[in-house]
Amino acid sequence: MSSVESHQEQLPHSDPTPSPNSCSSFELIDMDASSLYEPVSPHWFYCKIIDSKETWIPFNSEDSQLLEEAYGSGKDCNGRVVPTDGGRYDVHLGERMRYAVYWDELASEVRRCTWFYKGDKDNKYVPYPESFSQVLEETYMLAVTLDEWKKKLESPNREIIILHNPKLMVHYQPVAGSDEWGSTPTEQGRPRTVKRGVENISVDIHCGEPLQIDHLVFVVHGIGPACDLRFRSIVQCVNDFRSVSLNLLQTHFKKAQENQQIGRVEFLPVNWHSPLHSTGVDVDLQRITLPSINRLRHFTNDTILDVFFYNSPTYCQTIVDTVASEMNRIYTLFLQRNPDFKGGVSIAGHSLGSLILFDILTNQKDSLGDIDSEKDLPNIVKDQGDTPTLEEDLKKLQLSEFFSIFEKEKVDKEALALCTDKDLQEMGVPLGPRRKILNYFRTRKISMVSVKYPRLIYKPEIFFAFGSPIGMFLTVRGLKRIDPNYKFPTCKGFFNIYHPFDPVAYRIEPMVVPGVEFEPMLIPHHKGRKRMHLELREGLTRMSMDLKNNLLGSLRMAWKSFTRAQYPALQASETAEETEAEPESSSEKPSDINTEETSVAVKEVPPINVGMLNGGQRIDYVLQEKPIESFNEYLFALQSHLCYWESEDTVLLVLKEIYQTQGIFLDQPLQ
């Protein structure tokens, strides 16, 4: 008997007797049963390799509908391209492949899916190939129409599928070695569930993204190719950031969405790690890397060394060129694909990525374009001092008497750096001073290798820094104070956002106002108010202060009663003094409390001018730690540096500041 031979069964209530109102009983069965059959609704999926396993992910409902319309349009699918995922991916319909638009990524297989079977090691369903799904659907249609079940089919991979009835369909894997002599596969092993239609499997299908893009944000990663504890790439982490933003728009900007005032914010990743490590430096490092603790040394070469690369003029130039050119390239491509885009552009950087963006922004030209960035750069810093003059350099070398010679010959520092030993000899400089001067200026020339910062083809509106070491790097570079009047030449806003336990993050505001101690701005919880454990901590602090004040007052009164003189005359006079003194103390007591309360209030919202780096607004913004994180800050330090991608509080602050530039505000202001 053939493996595809079916075993037909009639339903118990079927009546084979012909009806007097019909030509035959077959026609009656056909007409009644066919009304039970409904064509399956297809849904489109794409395949991703996750943890070395194939995982089939559904397109959102809007993209799947667009793909189905293109498929059913009757036109040739070859050469047909359908943008999906908000325009970040293109599906080449004829090839059944999905390609990333803005970054490098392996192409993914695409399927029009109707039939599924449960996977081997997990509960996720796997779609059958399109051709075999069509065979299954035709078999199912005949079974329903003729009411003949227990259909057995063999797939191209020699898998056995049995359709027992509409609610029971199973799939058997082929047994190894069963077909060595051409034998027929049998139903052995554990059966797997077969489902028809995506509505019958457990899978999350999102609705899709708003078509309107209000703002574009470029996101630059930090050290290494992995951006979180799950070792995911910048693309995956930015996907999470974007997903959180879409959810928050629905919950916190609901009125603006209902009034069709807003669409969404597009976040696009910028990768600089791969181009840097494709320069051949990895091969050079491998030759000098010790063989011991191989994994740790490989991790160091792949991540931590990025910091040293950025401090090297050679590789720093490669990094800033890559970041700027990538942002310019993606921006140009984005405008080509979104010609109606009228929104602004912002940039965000995590960890070292924020420092790269800070340096690029600092070295942009202003709107006039006639001031060189190298001349603007010293204006950021106070107390650093100007570049030493030639006279000061000669004084440092104890050669001040030769300044008049150079002044007479109109030789400045740049000219002196180009002079040879013969030139100095002709000017009458003795051998000893000549050697000192040549060695000093030759060393200075080597150490003054500079980086040429490329220009951005747009002006960012806001710069967001997540877990940023900018403050530390500026201090190490010798910058003691940022001029309060300084602002980026082309960017109006700057927000330094960090977790309180982030070991890589540093503040910026103390560099603008070094003489005053004040707290950063506390980022509100996305659900409003402070986290419960923080409010409890503050409440206990206030309670302890009240108890302390009451206890001190009671002890003061008790001490006075113990030290009171026992003589009636003295007692009477002291009582009179106390009656005069007590009103004073009682009047002083509430004033002390008021002072303390006022100081607490001032501490929360300090009236401090933090300069123009963020347009006069505050710069440092700190997240609220979670209750579990407050138990051991060292334990959660690394996680805190990588928490920003899925932090609703961080994303909400970014959205709030972006939409405020458009005059759109949260439904309810957070406290």
Foldseek 3Di string as FASTA:
>chain_A
DDQQDAFFDDDPPQDQDADPVDDHSLVVLLVVLLVVDDAFDWFKWKWDQDPNDTDIATFAPVQRVVLVCLVPVPDDLQVDWDQGDLNQWIQSRVQQWIAGDQDDDDIIHMAGFWKWWADDPDRDTDGDHPVVVVVVRVVLSCCRSNVTAQGWDADPQRKIWGGHDQVFIWIAHFDPPCCPVDHHGDRDDDIIGMDGHPVPGDHDHHNHFFNDAAEEEEEEEAFFQAQAPVRDGPQVLLVLLQVLQRVLCCVWVVVCVVVVVDGGHHYDYQDLLVVLVVPCVVVVVVVVDDPPPPVVVVVCVRGVCVVVLCVDQVSVLSRLCRRQVSVQVSVVVVCVVVVPHDHAYAYEYAAVGLLSVVVLLQQAAAPVNPDGSVVVNVLFFDPLDDDDWPCVVCVVVVNNVCPVLCVVVVATLVNLQVDDLVRVVVSPDDDVVSVVSNVVSPVVVVVPSDHDRDYHPHFHAEYEYELYQNVVVCVVVPGQATALADAGRRYQAAAYEFAPLAPSHDDDLCRHVVPDDADAAEQAASVFDHPPVVVVVVVVVVVVVVVVLVVVVVVVVVVCVVPQDPDPVSNVVVVVVCVVVVVVVVVVSVVVVVVVVVVVVCRNPPPDQSHRHGDRDGHYYYYHDDPVCVVDSVVCRSNRSSVQSNRSSNSVVVVQVSCVVVVRHTPDDHD
